[in-house]
Amino acid sequence: MGGTRGSISTARKRRAAARIVKRAHHLVGLRFGAAIYRIPAWDMLLDLYVNDCRKSMSLTSLCDGSDRPQRTAFRSIGALVRQKWLIRSPDPHDGRRINVRLSTKATKLMHLYCDDLRALLQLD
């Protein structure tokens, strides 16, 4: 039982670190201009991770969350799928929708990144 609490606590801390990164990323764009500091693929990875890496998100929601033109967002998603960082799957309840989620590989990388960031910023 204690191991479960520890893993839940670690997951919360990782998502908190990812939210900080997401806010900091937004602030850089706000202060220096989004046109020069937008990385749609990174924004998408952060969105999926912050919104619970085990859950799927609709392709449309992920595109909308990137705040980039839909064509740019789709290209970014394609690149993430080719890197095997995202997994596409049909929505089991709506055949018109496609869901995306982080792959195990991407989740592990995001865990490592957030752990490294927490250590760097001494957030524990």
PDB file of N, CA and C in Angstrom:
ATOM      1  N   MET A   1       0.821  -1.197   0.000  1.00  0.00           N
ATOM      2  CA  MET A   1       0.000   0.000   0.000  1.00  0.00           C
ATOM      3  C   MET A   1       0.856   1.249   0.000  1.00  0.00           C
ATOM      4  N   GLY A   2       1.948   1.257   0.762  1.00  0.00           N
ATOM      5  CA  GLY A   2       2.827   2.415   0.820  1.00  0.00           C
ATOM      6  C   GLY A   2       3.480   2.705  -0.513  1.00  0.00           C
ATOM      7  N   GLY A   3       3.789   1.633  -1.284  1.00  0.00           N
ATOM      8  CA  GLY A   3       4.389   1.804  -2.601  1.00  0.00           C
ATOM      9  C   GLY A   3       3.451   2.523  -3.550  1.00  0.00           C
ATOM     10  N   THR A   4       2.150   2.242  -3.424  1.00  0.00           N
ATOM     11  CA  THR A   4       1.163   2.889  -4.274  1.00  0.00           C
ATOM     12  C   THR A   4       1.090   4.375  -3.970  1.00  0.00           C
ATOM     13  N   ARG A   5       1.076   4.730  -2.689  1.00  0.00           N
ATOM     14  CA  ARG A   5       1.058   6.152  -2.325  1.00  0.00           C
ATOM     15  C   ARG A   5       2.291   6.861  -2.844  1.00  0.00           C
ATOM     16  N   GLY A   6       3.444   6.208  -2.725  1.00  0.00           N
ATOM     17  CA  GLY A   6       4.681   6.810  -3.215  1.00  0.00           C
ATOM     18  C   GLY A   6       4.643   7.033  -4.705  1.00  0.00           C
ATOM     19  N   SER A   7       4.100   6.075  -5.447  1.00  0.00           N
ATOM     20  CA  SER A   7       4.045   6.234  -6.897  1.00  0.00           C
ATOM     21  C   SER A   7       3.028   7.296  -7.295  1.00  0.00           C
ATOM     22  N   ILE A   8       1.927   7.397  -6.544  1.00  0.00           N
ATOM     23  CA  ILE A   8       0.948   8.457  -6.808  1.00  0.00           C
ATOM     24  C   ILE A   8       1.582   9.808  -6.513  1.00  0.00           C
ATOM     25  N   SER A   9       2.302   9.900  -5.418  1.00  0.00           N
ATOM     26  CA  SER A   9       2.975  11.143  -5.062  1.00  0.00           C
ATOM     27  C   SER A   9       4.008  11.527  -6.121  1.00  0.00           C
ATOM     28  N   THR A  10       4.765  10.552  -6.575  1.00  0.00           N
ATOM     29  CA  THR A  10       5.767  10.816  -7.620  1.00  0.00           C
ATOM     30  C   THR A  10       5.087  11.278  -8.896  1.00  0.00           C
ATOM     31  N   ALA A  11       3.998  10.631  -9.271  1.00  0.00           N
ATOM     32  CA  ALA A  11       3.266  11.022 -10.486  1.00  0.00           C
ATOM     33  C   ALA A  11       2.758  12.461 -10.363  1.00  0.00           C
ATOM     34  N   ARG A  12       2.243  12.819  -9.205  1.00  0.00           N
ATOM     35  CA  ARG A  12       1.761  14.192  -8.997  1.00  0.00           C
ATOM     36  C   ARG A  12       2.905  15.200  -9.094  1.00  0.00           C
ATOM     37  N   LYS A  13       4.028  14.855  -8.503  1.00  0.00           N
ATOM     38  CA  LYS A  13       5.187  15.748  -8.551  1.00  0.00           C
ATOM     39  C   LYS A  13       5.682  15.916  -9.980  1.00  0.00           C
ATOM     40  N   ARG A  14       5.677  14.816 -10.743  1.00  0.00           N
ATOM     41  CA  ARG A  14       6.109  14.906 -12.141  1.00  0.00           C
ATOM     42  C   ARG A  14       5.158  15.787 -12.938  1.00  0.00           C
ATOM     43  N   ARG A  15       3.852  15.591 -12.750  1.00  0.00           N
ATOM     44  CA  ARG A  15       2.892  16.421 -13.485  1.00  0.00           C
ATOM     45  C   ARG A  15       2.990  17.882 -13.055  1.00  0.00           C
ATOM     46  N   ALA A  16       3.272  18.127 -11.787  1.00  0.00           N
ATOM     47  CA  ALA A  16       3.466  19.511 -11.315  1.00  0.00           C
ATOM     48  C   ALA A  16       4.674  20.134 -12.003  1.00  0.00           C
ATOM     49  N   ALA A  17       5.753  19.384 -12.134  1.00  0.00           N
ATOM     50  CA  ALA A  17       6.941  19.890 -12.832  1.00  0.00           C
ATOM     51  C   ALA A  17       6.610  20.173 -14.292  1.00  0.00           C
ATOM     52  N   ALA A  18       5.840  19.281 -14.925  1.00  0.00           N
ATOM     53  CA  ALA A  18       5.454  19.484 -16.325  1.00  0.00           C
ATOM     54  C   ALA A  18       4.575  20.719 -16.472  1.00  0.00           C
ATOM     55  N   ARG A  19       3.686  20.957 -15.489  1.00  0.00           N
ATOM     56  CA  ARG A  19       2.855  22.175 -15.543  1.00  0.00           C
ATOM     57  C   ARG A  19       3.714  23.432 -15.437  1.00  0.00           C
ATOM     58  N   ILE A  20       4.749  23.379 -14.614  1.00  0.00           N
ATOM     59  CA  ILE A  20       5.674  24.517 -14.510  1.00  0.00           C
ATOM     60  C   ILE A  20       6.350  24.758 -15.854  1.00  0.00           C
ATOM     61  N   VAL A  21       6.808  23.688 -16.483  1.00  0.00           N
ATOM     62  CA  VAL A  21       7.451  23.810 -17.800  1.00  0.00           C
ATOM     63  C   VAL A  21       6.469  24.418 -18.798  1.00  0.00           C
ATOM     64  N   LYS A  22       5.248  23.937 -18.760  1.00  0.00           N
ATOM     65  CA  LYS A  22       4.230  24.436 -19.688  1.00  0.00           C
ATOM     66  C   LYS A  22       3.965  25.929 -19.470  1.00  0.00           C
ATOM     67  N   ARG A  23       3.852  26.333 -18.213  1.00  0.00           N
ATOM     68  CA  ARG A  23       3.640  27.763 -17.909  1.00  0.00           C
ATOM     69  C   ARG A  23       4.852  28.599 -18.302  1.00  0.00           C
ATOM     70  N   ALA A  24       6.045  28.082 -18.018  1.00  0.00           N
ATOM     71  CA  ALA A  24       7.273  28.806 -18.375  1.00  0.00           C
ATOM     72  C   ALA A  24       7.381  28.941 -19.885  1.00  0.00           C
ATOM     73  N   HIS A  25       7.045  27.885 -20.592  1.00  0.00           N
ATOM     74  CA  HIS A  25       7.072  27.893 -22.055  1.00  0.00           C
ATOM     75  C   HIS A  25       6.104  28.953 -22.579  1.00  0.00           C
ATOM     76  N   HIS A  26       4.912  29.010 -21.978  1.00  0.00           N
ATOM     77  CA  HIS A  26       3.918  30.009 -22.364  1.00  0.00           C
ATOM     78  C   HIS A  26       4.426  31.423 -22.075  1.00  0.00           C
ATOM     79  N   LEU A  27       5.083  31.615 -20.940  1.00  0.00           N
ATOM     80  CA  LEU A  27       5.609  32.937 -20.585  1.00  0.00           C
ATOM     81  C   LEU A  27       6.681  33.413 -21.555  1.00  0.00           C
ATOM     82  N   VAL A  28       7.538  32.504 -21.983  1.00  0.00           N
ATOM     83  CA  VAL A  28       8.562  32.890 -22.961  1.00  0.00           C
ATOM     84  C   VAL A  28       7.872  33.365 -24.232  1.00  0.00           C
ATOM     85  N   GLY A  29       6.878  32.613 -24.685  1.00  0.00           N
ATOM     86  CA  GLY A  29       6.134  33.024 -25.876  1.00  0.00           C
ATOM     87  C   GLY A  29       5.422  34.349 -25.675  1.00  0.00           C
ATOM     88  N   LEU A  30       4.873  34.552 -24.489  1.00  0.00           N
ATOM     89  CA  LEU A  30       4.165  35.791 -24.183  1.00  0.00           C
ATOM     90  C   LEU A  30       5.114  36.993 -24.181  1.00  0.00           C
ATOM     91  N   ARG A  31       6.259  36.834 -23.572  1.00  0.00           N
ATOM     92  CA  ARG A  31       7.204  37.942 -23.432  1.00  0.00           C
ATOM     93  C   ARG A  31       8.034  38.198 -24.698  1.00  0.00           C
ATOM     94  N   PHE A  32       8.391  37.133 -25.402  1.00  0.00           N
ATOM     95  CA  PHE A  32       9.288  37.286 -26.549  1.00  0.00           C
ATOM     96  C   PHE A  32       8.577  37.108 -27.884  1.00  0.00           C
ATOM     97  N   GLY A  33       7.339  36.707 -27.837  1.00  0.00           N
ATOM     98  CA  GLY A  33       6.569  36.532 -29.058  1.00  0.00           C
ATOM     99  C   GLY A  33       6.394  35.068 -29.407  1.00  0.00           C
ATOM    100  N   ALA A  34       5.136  34.676 -29.510  1.00  0.00           N
ATOM    101  CA  ALA A  34       4.824  33.273 -29.799  1.00  0.00           C
ATOM    102  C   ALA A  34       5.356  32.847 -31.157  1.00  0.00           C
ATOM    103  N   ALA A  35       5.449  33.782 -32.081  1.00  0.00           N
ATOM    104  CA  ALA A  35       5.906  33.433 -33.426  1.00  0.00           C
ATOM    105  C   ALA A  35       7.334  32.893 -33.427  1.00  0.00           C
ATOM    106  N   ILE A  36       8.147  33.344 -32.476  1.00  0.00           N
ATOM    107  CA  ILE A  36       9.534  32.865 -32.466  1.00  0.00           C
ATOM    108  C   ILE A  36       9.774  31.771 -31.438  1.00  0.00           C
ATOM    109  N   TYR A  37       8.763  31.495 -30.612  1.00  0.00           N
ATOM    110  CA  TYR A  37       8.995  30.506 -29.569  1.00  0.00           C
ATOM    111  C   TYR A  37       7.813  29.551 -29.426  1.00  0.00           C
ATOM    112  N   ARG A  38       7.378  28.996 -30.511  1.00  0.00           N
ATOM    113  CA  ARG A  38       6.320  27.990 -30.463  1.00  0.00           C
ATOM    114  C   ARG A  38       6.889  26.680 -30.971  1.00  0.00           C
ATOM    115  N   ILE A  39       6.713  25.649 -30.197  1.00  0.00           N
ATOM    116  CA  ILE A  39       7.151  24.318 -30.585  1.00  0.00           C
ATOM    117  C   ILE A  39       5.939  23.415 -30.421  1.00  0.00           C
ATOM    118  N   PRO A  40       5.128  23.284 -31.463  1.00  0.00           N
ATOM    119  CA  PRO A  40       3.874  22.546 -31.323  1.00  0.00           C
ATOM    120  C   PRO A  40       4.053  21.123 -30.789  1.00  0.00           C
ATOM    121  N   ALA A  41       5.058  20.407 -31.250  1.00  0.00           N
ATOM    122  CA  ALA A  41       5.251  19.029 -30.792  1.00  0.00           C
ATOM    123  C   ALA A  41       5.505  18.988 -29.285  1.00  0.00           C
ATOM    124  N   TRP A  42       6.310  19.912 -28.789  1.00  0.00           N
ATOM    125  CA  TRP A  42       6.604  19.963 -27.353  1.00  0.00           C
ATOM    126  C   TRP A  42       5.346  20.317 -26.572  1.00  0.00           C
ATOM    127  N   ASP A  43       4.586  21.284 -27.080  1.00  0.00           N
ATOM    128  CA  ASP A  43       3.332  21.653 -26.423  1.00  0.00           C
ATOM    129  C   ASP A  43       2.395  20.452 -26.335  1.00  0.00           C
ATOM    130  N   MET A  44       2.345  19.661 -27.381  1.00  0.00           N
ATOM    131  CA  MET A  44       1.468  18.492 -27.397  1.00  0.00           C
ATOM    132  C   MET A  44       1.930  17.431 -26.396  1.00  0.00           C
ATOM    133  N   LEU A  45       3.229  17.188 -26.358  1.00  0.00           N
ATOM    134  CA  LEU A  45       3.748  16.224 -25.380  1.00  0.00           C
ATOM    135  C   LEU A  45       3.419  16.676 -23.958  1.00  0.00           C
ATOM    136  N   LEU A  46       3.610  17.950 -23.692  1.00  0.00           N
ATOM    137  CA  LEU A  46       3.292  18.480 -22.360  1.00  0.00           C
ATOM    138  C   LEU A  46       1.806  18.363 -22.054  1.00  0.00           C
ATOM    139  N   ASP A  47       0.950  18.701 -23.027  1.00  0.00           N
ATOM    140  CA  ASP A  47      -0.499  18.605 -22.814  1.00  0.00           C
ATOM    141  C   ASP A  47      -0.903  17.183 -22.456  1.00  0.00           C
ATOM    142  N   LEU A  48      -0.423  16.223 -23.229  1.00  0.00           N
ATOM    143  CA  LEU A  48      -0.782  14.835 -22.959  1.00  0.00           C
ATOM    144  C   LEU A  48      -0.240  14.373 -21.606  1.00  0.00           C
ATOM    145  N   TYR A  49       0.961  14.788 -21.284  1.00  0.00           N
ATOM    146  CA  TYR A  49       1.572  14.372 -20.023  1.00  0.00           C
ATOM    147  C   TYR A  49       0.859  15.004 -18.823  1.00  0.00           C
ATOM    148  N   VAL A  50       0.613  16.291 -18.892  1.00  0.00           N
ATOM    149  CA  VAL A  50      -0.045  16.996 -17.797  1.00  0.00           C
ATOM    150  C   VAL A  50      -1.473  16.474 -17.598  1.00  0.00           C
ATOM    151  N   ASN A  51      -2.128  16.122 -18.682  1.00  0.00           N
ATOM    152  CA  ASN A  51      -3.509  15.635 -18.594  1.00  0.00           C
ATOM    153  C   ASN A  51      -3.587  14.149 -18.296  1.00  0.00           C
ATOM    154  N   ASP A  52      -2.539  13.593 -17.750  1.00  0.00           N
ATOM    155  CA  ASP A  52      -2.446  12.198 -17.325  1.00  0.00           C
ATOM    156  C   ASP A  52      -2.024  11.341 -18.508  1.00  0.00           C
ATOM    157  N   CYS A  53      -0.791  10.957 -18.473  1.00  0.00           N
ATOM    158  CA  CYS A  53      -0.148  10.274 -19.589  1.00  0.00           C
ATOM    159  C   CYS A  53      -0.808   8.954 -19.970  1.00  0.00           C
ATOM    160  N   ARG A  54      -1.647   8.395 -19.118  1.00  0.00           N
ATOM    161  CA  ARG A  54      -2.296   7.126 -19.459  1.00  0.00           C
ATOM    162  C   ARG A  54      -3.570   7.335 -20.260  1.00  0.00           C
ATOM    163  N   LYS A  55      -4.092   8.544 -20.292  1.00  0.00           N
ATOM    164  CA  LYS A  55      -5.365   8.810 -20.944  1.00  0.00           C
ATOM    165  C   LYS A  55      -5.160   9.287 -22.380  1.00  0.00           C
ATOM    166  N   SER A  56      -6.108   8.926 -23.217  1.00  0.00           N
ATOM    167  CA  SER A  56      -6.095   9.396 -24.596  1.00  0.00           C
ATOM    168  C   SER A  56      -6.775  10.750 -24.684  1.00  0.00           C
ATOM    169  N   MET A  57      -6.455  11.460 -25.754  1.00  0.00           N
ATOM    170  CA  MET A  57      -7.059  12.746 -26.039  1.00  0.00           C
ATOM    171  C   MET A  57      -7.446  12.716 -27.515  1.00  0.00           C
ATOM    172  N   SER A  58      -8.532  13.343 -27.860  1.00  0.00           N
ATOM    173  CA  SER A  58      -8.916  13.355 -29.267  1.00  0.00           C
ATOM    174  C   SER A  58      -7.894  14.154 -30.067  1.00  0.00           C
ATOM    175  N   LEU A  59      -7.729  13.736 -31.306  1.00  0.00           N
ATOM    176  CA  LEU A  59      -6.804  14.414 -32.205  1.00  0.00           C
ATOM    177  C   LEU A  59      -7.165  15.889 -32.328  1.00  0.00           C
ATOM    178  N   THR A  60      -8.450  16.175 -32.415  1.00  0.00           N
ATOM    179  CA  THR A  60      -8.923  17.556 -32.537  1.00  0.00           C
ATOM    180  C   THR A  60      -8.557  18.380 -31.307  1.00  0.00           C
ATOM    181  N   SER A  61      -8.763  17.815 -30.113  1.00  0.00           N
ATOM    182  CA  SER A  61      -8.428  18.535 -28.885  1.00  0.00           C
ATOM    183  C   SER A  61      -6.934  18.804 -28.798  1.00  0.00           C
ATOM    184  N   LEU A  62      -6.144  17.831 -29.192  1.00  0.00           N
ATOM    185  CA  LEU A  62      -4.695  18.010 -29.157  1.00  0.00           C
ATOM    186  C   LEU A  62      -4.265  19.097 -30.130  1.00  0.00           C
ATOM    187  N   CYS A  63      -4.854  19.109 -31.321  1.00  0.00           N
ATOM    188  CA  CYS A  63      -4.543  20.156 -32.309  1.00  0.00           C
ATOM    189  C   CYS A  63      -4.949  21.527 -31.784  1.00  0.00           C
ATOM    190  N   ASP A  64      -6.143  21.618 -31.227  1.00  0.00           N
ATOM    191  CA  ASP A  64      -6.632  22.895 -30.690  1.00  0.00           C
ATOM    192  C   ASP A  64      -5.731  23.393 -29.564  1.00  0.00           C
ATOM    193  N   GLY A  65      -5.270  22.473 -28.723  1.00  0.00           N
ATOM    194  CA  GLY A  65      -4.418  22.840 -27.596  1.00  0.00           C
ATOM    195  C   GLY A  65      -3.050  23.350 -28.014  1.00  0.00           C
ATOM    196  N   SER A  66      -2.613  22.997 -29.215  1.00  0.00           N
ATOM    197  CA  SER A  66      -1.288  23.447 -29.666  1.00  0.00           C
ATOM    198  C   SER A  66      -1.300  24.919 -30.077  1.00  0.00           C
ATOM    199  N   ASP A  67      -2.510  25.471 -30.282  1.00  0.00           N
ATOM    200  CA  ASP A  67      -2.658  26.883 -30.635  1.00  0.00           C
ATOM    201  C   ASP A  67      -1.883  27.233 -31.913  1.00  0.00           C
ATOM    202  N   ARG A  68      -1.836  26.287 -32.828  1.00  0.00           N
ATOM    203  CA  ARG A  68      -1.179  26.480 -34.119  1.00  0.00           C
ATOM    204  C   ARG A  68      -2.185  26.129 -35.201  1.00  0.00           C
ATOM    205  N   PRO A  69      -1.921  26.550 -36.441  1.00  0.00           N
ATOM    206  CA  PRO A  69      -2.829  26.142 -37.516  1.00  0.00           C
ATOM    207  C   PRO A  69      -2.948  24.621 -37.565  1.00  0.00           C
ATOM    208  N   GLN A  70      -4.128  24.156 -37.937  1.00  0.00           N
ATOM    209  CA  GLN A  70      -4.405  22.721 -37.908  1.00  0.00           C
ATOM    210  C   GLN A  70      -3.396  21.923 -38.751  1.00  0.00           C
ATOM    211  N   ARG A  71      -3.025  22.441 -39.880  1.00  0.00           N
ATOM    212  CA  ARG A  71      -2.068  21.745 -40.747  1.00  0.00           C
ATOM    213  C   ARG A  71      -0.711  21.572 -40.047  1.00  0.00           C
ATOM    214  N   THR A  72      -0.263  22.618 -39.368  1.00  0.00           N
ATOM    215  CA  THR A  72       0.993  22.551 -38.608  1.00  0.00           C
ATOM    216  C   THR A  72       0.867  21.530 -37.493  1.00  0.00           C
ATOM    217  N   ALA A  73      -0.273  21.548 -36.807  1.00  0.00           N
ATOM    218  CA  ALA A  73      -0.500  20.607 -35.713  1.00  0.00           C
ATOM    219  C   ALA A  73      -0.491  19.171 -36.233  1.00  0.00           C
ATOM    220  N   PHE A  74      -1.147  18.915 -37.356  1.00  0.00           N
ATOM    221  CA  PHE A  74      -1.169  17.561 -37.917  1.00  0.00           C
ATOM    222  C   PHE A  74       0.232  17.099 -38.326  1.00  0.00           C
ATOM    223  N   ARG A  75       1.024  18.004 -38.872  1.00  0.00           N
ATOM    224  CA  ARG A  75       2.413  17.651 -39.223  1.00  0.00           C
ATOM    225  C   ARG A  75       3.197  17.284 -37.966  1.00  0.00           C
ATOM    226  N   SER A  76       3.002  18.046 -36.904  1.00  0.00           N
ATOM    227  CA  SER A  76       3.692  17.758 -35.644  1.00  0.00           C
ATOM    228  C   SER A  76       3.263  16.404 -35.086  1.00  0.00           C
ATOM    229  N   ILE A  77       1.984  16.117 -35.145  1.00  0.00           N
ATOM    230  CA  ILE A  77       1.486  14.823 -34.670  1.00  0.00           C
ATOM    231  C   ILE A  77       2.085  13.700 -35.509  1.00  0.00           C
ATOM    232  N   GLY A  78       2.135  13.895 -36.817  1.00  0.00           N
ATOM    233  CA  GLY A  78       2.742  12.895 -37.694  1.00  0.00           C
ATOM    234  C   GLY A  78       4.189  12.622 -37.320  1.00  0.00           C
ATOM    235  N   ALA A  79       4.925  13.683 -37.030  1.00  0.00           N
ATOM    236  CA  ALA A  79       6.333  13.522 -36.634  1.00  0.00           C
ATOM    237  C   ALA A  79       6.440  12.769 -35.309  1.00  0.00           C
ATOM    238  N   LEU A  80       5.563  13.075 -34.372  1.00  0.00           N
ATOM    239  CA  LEU A  80       5.580  12.389 -33.073  1.00  0.00           C
ATOM    240  C   LEU A  80       5.205  10.911 -33.209  1.00  0.00           C
ATOM    241  N   VAL A  81       4.293  10.613 -34.114  1.00  0.00           N
ATOM    242  CA  VAL A  81       3.921   9.213 -34.363  1.00  0.00           C
ATOM    243  C   VAL A  81       5.101   8.478 -35.004  1.00  0.00           C
ATOM    244  N   ARG A  82       5.765   9.110 -35.973  1.00  0.00           N
ATOM    245  CA  ARG A  82       6.933   8.483 -36.622  1.00  0.00           C
ATOM    246  C   ARG A  82       8.059   8.222 -35.624  1.00  0.00           C
ATOM    247  N   GLN A  83       8.209   9.090 -34.639  1.00  0.00           N
ATOM    248  CA  GLN A  83       9.224   8.901 -33.602  1.00  0.00           C
ATOM    249  C   GLN A  83       8.789   7.860 -32.570  1.00  0.00           C
ATOM    250  N   LYS A  84       7.544   7.401 -32.718  1.00  0.00           N
ATOM    251  CA  LYS A  84       6.952   6.436 -31.776  1.00  0.00           C
ATOM    252  C   LYS A  84       6.764   7.031 -30.379  1.00  0.00           C
ATOM    253  N   TRP A  85       6.482   8.336 -30.342  1.00  0.00           N
ATOM    254  CA  TRP A  85       6.198   9.023 -29.085  1.00  0.00           C
ATOM    255  C   TRP A  85       4.693   9.155 -28.853  1.00  0.00           C
ATOM    256  N   LEU A  86       3.910   9.087 -29.929  1.00  0.00           N
ATOM    257  CA  LEU A  86       2.455   9.115 -29.827  1.00  0.00           C
ATOM    258  C   LEU A  86       1.889   7.871 -30.476  1.00  0.00           C
ATOM    259  N   ILE A  87       0.761   7.445 -29.949  1.00  0.00           N
ATOM    260  CA  ILE A  87       0.038   6.314 -30.524  1.00  0.00           C
ATOM    261  C   ILE A  87      -1.353   6.802 -30.908  1.00  0.00           C
ATOM    262  N   ARG A  88      -1.714   6.574 -32.155  1.00  0.00           N
ATOM    263  CA  ARG A  88      -3.056   6.896 -32.636  1.00  0.00           C
ATOM    264  C   ARG A  88      -3.930   5.657 -32.510  1.00  0.00           C
ATOM    265  N   SER A  89      -5.202   5.885 -32.180  1.00  0.00           N
ATOM    266  CA  SER A  89      -6.153   4.767 -32.132  1.00  0.00           C
ATOM    267  C   SER A  89      -7.554   5.307 -32.392  1.00  0.00           C
ATOM    268  N   PRO A  90      -8.403   4.468 -32.999  1.00  0.00           N
ATOM    269  CA  PRO A  90      -9.783   4.929 -33.224  1.00  0.00           C
ATOM    270  C   PRO A  90     -10.517   5.047 -31.892  1.00  0.00           C
ATOM    271  N   ASP A  91     -11.396   6.008 -31.814  1.00  0.00           N
ATOM    272  CA  ASP A  91     -12.228   6.169 -30.624  1.00  0.00           C
ATOM    273  C   ASP A  91     -13.223   5.012 -30.596  1.00  0.00           C
ATOM    274  N   PRO A  92     -13.266   4.254 -29.492  1.00  0.00           N
ATOM    275  CA  PRO A  92     -14.169   3.095 -29.439  1.00  0.00           C
ATOM    276  C   PRO A  92     -15.655   3.479 -29.421  1.00  0.00           C
ATOM    277  N   HIS A  93     -15.962   4.734 -29.089  1.00  0.00           N
ATOM    278  CA  HIS A  93     -17.356   5.172 -28.973  1.00  0.00           C
ATOM    279  C   HIS A  93     -17.811   6.023 -30.150  1.00  0.00           C
ATOM    280  N   ASP A  94     -16.861   6.518 -30.950  1.00  0.00           N
ATOM    281  CA  ASP A  94     -17.202   7.395 -32.075  1.00  0.00           C
ATOM    282  C   ASP A  94     -16.224   7.099 -33.207  1.00  0.00           C
ATOM    283  N   GLY A  95     -16.689   6.387 -34.205  1.00  0.00           N
ATOM    284  CA  GLY A  95     -15.851   5.962 -35.320  1.00  0.00           C
ATOM    285  C   GLY A  95     -15.261   7.109 -36.125  1.00  0.00           C
ATOM    286  N   ARG A  96     -15.784   8.315 -35.952  1.00  0.00           N
ATOM    287  CA  ARG A  96     -15.263   9.467 -36.694  1.00  0.00           C
ATOM    288  C   ARG A  96     -14.031  10.070 -36.030  1.00  0.00           C
ATOM    289  N   ARG A  97     -13.845   9.759 -34.762  1.00  0.00           N
ATOM    290  CA  ARG A  97     -12.751  10.381 -33.997  1.00  0.00           C
ATOM    291  C   ARG A  97     -11.527   9.485 -33.936  1.00  0.00           C
ATOM    292  N   ILE A  98     -10.388  10.146 -33.856  1.00  0.00           N
ATOM    293  CA  ILE A  98      -9.115   9.470 -33.627  1.00  0.00           C
ATOM    294  C   ILE A  98      -8.574   9.984 -32.301  1.00  0.00           C
ATOM    295  N   ASN A  99      -8.142   9.081 -31.449  1.00  0.00           N
ATOM    296  CA  ASN A  99      -7.534   9.451 -30.178  1.00  0.00           C
ATOM    297  C   ASN A  99      -6.025   9.281 -30.263  1.00  0.00           C
ATOM    298  N   VAL A 100      -5.323  10.060 -29.478  1.00  0.00           N
ATOM    299  CA  VAL A 100      -3.870   9.927 -29.383  1.00  0.00           C
ATOM    300  C   VAL A 100      -3.492   9.875 -27.912  1.00  0.00           C
ATOM    301  N   ARG A 101      -2.411   9.171 -27.645  1.00  0.00           N
ATOM    302  CA  ARG A 101      -1.890   9.114 -26.285  1.00  0.00           C
ATOM    303  C   ARG A 101      -0.379   8.968 -26.375  1.00  0.00           C
ATOM    304  N   LEU A 102       0.273   9.258 -25.261  1.00  0.00           N
ATOM    305  CA  LEU A 102       1.717   9.077 -25.204  1.00  0.00           C
ATOM    306  C   LEU A 102       2.046   7.585 -25.258  1.00  0.00           C
ATOM    307  N   SER A 103       3.096   7.268 -25.974  1.00  0.00           N
ATOM    308  CA  SER A 103       3.580   5.888 -25.969  1.00  0.00           C
ATOM    309  C   SER A 103       4.315   5.638 -24.663  1.00  0.00           C
ATOM    310  N   THR A 104       4.592   4.386 -24.385  1.00  0.00           N
ATOM    311  CA  THR A 104       5.372   4.035 -23.201  1.00  0.00           C
ATOM    312  C   THR A 104       6.741   4.709 -23.268  1.00  0.00           C
ATOM    313  N   LYS A 105       7.330   4.722 -24.457  1.00  0.00           N
ATOM    314  CA  LYS A 105       8.641   5.356 -24.665  1.00  0.00           C
ATOM    315  C   LYS A 105       8.589   6.844 -24.297  1.00  0.00           C
ATOM    316  N   ALA A 106       7.578   7.542 -24.806  1.00  0.00           N
ATOM    317  CA  ALA A 106       7.455   8.982 -24.527  1.00  0.00           C
ATOM    318  C   ALA A 106       7.160   9.234 -23.056  1.00  0.00           C
ATOM    319  N   THR A 107       6.328   8.389 -22.464  1.00  0.00           N
ATOM    320  CA  THR A 107       6.006   8.548 -21.044  1.00  0.00           C
ATOM    321  C   THR A 107       7.265   8.412 -20.198  1.00  0.00           C
ATOM    322  N   LYS A 108       8.081   7.409 -20.504  1.00  0.00           N
ATOM    323  CA  LYS A 108       9.332   7.228 -19.756  1.00  0.00           C
ATOM    324  C   LYS A 108      10.248   8.435 -19.928  1.00  0.00           C
ATOM    325  N   LEU A 109      10.339   8.944 -21.159  1.00  0.00           N
ATOM    326  CA  LEU A 109      11.182  10.126 -21.393  1.00  0.00           C
ATOM    327  C   LEU A 109      10.658  11.338 -20.627  1.00  0.00           C
ATOM    328  N   MET A 110       9.345  11.518 -20.601  1.00  0.00           N
ATOM    329  CA  MET A 110       8.764  12.642 -19.868  1.00  0.00           C
ATOM    330  C   MET A 110       8.983  12.467 -18.364  1.00  0.00           C
ATOM    331  N   HIS A 111       8.867  11.239 -17.867  1.00  0.00           N
ATOM    332  CA  HIS A 111       9.161  10.978 -16.450  1.00  0.00           C
ATOM    333  C   HIS A 111      10.602  11.387 -16.129  1.00  0.00           C
ATOM    334  N   LEU A 112      11.526  10.936 -16.955  1.00  0.00           N
ATOM    335  CA  LEU A 112      12.944  11.258 -16.735  1.00  0.00           C
ATOM    336  C   LEU A 112      13.179  12.765 -16.798  1.00  0.00           C
ATOM    337  N   TYR A 113      12.583  13.413 -17.794  1.00  0.00           N
ATOM    338  CA  TYR A 113      12.730  14.865 -17.938  1.00  0.00           C
ATOM    339  C   TYR A 113      12.213  15.587 -16.689  1.00  0.00           C
ATOM    340  N   CYS A 114      11.027  15.218 -16.231  1.00  0.00           N
ATOM    341  CA  CYS A 114      10.437  15.880 -15.060  1.00  0.00           C
ATOM    342  C   CYS A 114      11.231  15.587 -13.790  1.00  0.00           C
ATOM    343  N   ASP A 115      11.729  14.358 -13.661  1.00  0.00           N
ATOM    344  CA  ASP A 115      12.575  14.035 -12.511  1.00  0.00           C
ATOM    345  C   ASP A 115      13.859  14.866 -12.539  1.00  0.00           C
ATOM    346  N   ASP A 116      14.468  14.975 -13.702  1.00  0.00           N
ATOM    347  CA  ASP A 116      15.688  15.788 -13.842  1.00  0.00           C
ATOM    348  C   ASP A 116      15.404  17.254 -13.544  1.00  0.00           C
ATOM    349  N   LEU A 117      14.271  17.749 -14.032  1.00  0.00           N
ATOM    350  CA  LEU A 117      13.908  19.142 -13.791  1.00  0.00           C
ATOM    351  C   LEU A 117      13.667  19.396 -12.306  1.00  0.00           C
ATOM    352  N   ARG A 118      12.956  18.486 -11.654  1.00  0.00           N
ATOM    353  CA  ARG A 118      12.724  18.635 -10.214  1.00  0.00           C
ATOM    354  C   ARG A 118      14.034  18.655  -9.447  1.00  0.00           C
ATOM    355  N   ALA A 119      14.970  17.790  -9.834  1.00  0.00           N
ATOM    356  CA  ALA A 119      16.278  17.759  -9.153  1.00  0.00           C
ATOM    357  C   ALA A 119      17.032  19.064  -9.413  1.00  0.00           C
ATOM    358  N   LEU A 120      16.967  19.526 -10.653  1.00  0.00           N
ATOM    359  CA  LEU A 120      17.666  20.755 -11.009  1.00  0.00           C
ATOM    360  C   LEU A 120      17.123  21.956 -10.224  1.00  0.00           C
ATOM    361  N   LEU A 121      15.811  22.013 -10.105  1.00  0.00           N
ATOM    362  CA  LEU A 121      15.153  23.125  -9.414  1.00  0.00           C
ATOM    363  C   LEU A 121      14.960  22.854  -7.923  1.00  0.00           C
ATOM    364  N   GLN A 122      15.363  21.688  -7.483  1.00  0.00           N
ATOM    365  CA  GLN A 122      15.222  21.276  -6.087  1.00  0.00           C
ATOM    366  C   GLN A 122      13.786  21.455  -5.596  1.00  0.00           C
ATOM    367  N   LEU A 123      12.859  20.812  -6.335  1.00  0.00           N
ATOM    368  CA  LEU A 123      11.434  20.950  -6.034  1.00  0.00           C
ATOM    369  C   LEU A 123      10.916  19.940  -5.022  1.00  0.00           C
ATOM    370  N   ASP A 124      11.761  19.129  -4.424  1.00  0.00           N
ATOM    371  CA  ASP A 124      11.265  18.138  -3.470  1.00  0.00           C
ATOM    372  C   ASP A 124      11.330  18.607  -2.066  1.00  0.00           C
TER     373      ASP A 124
END
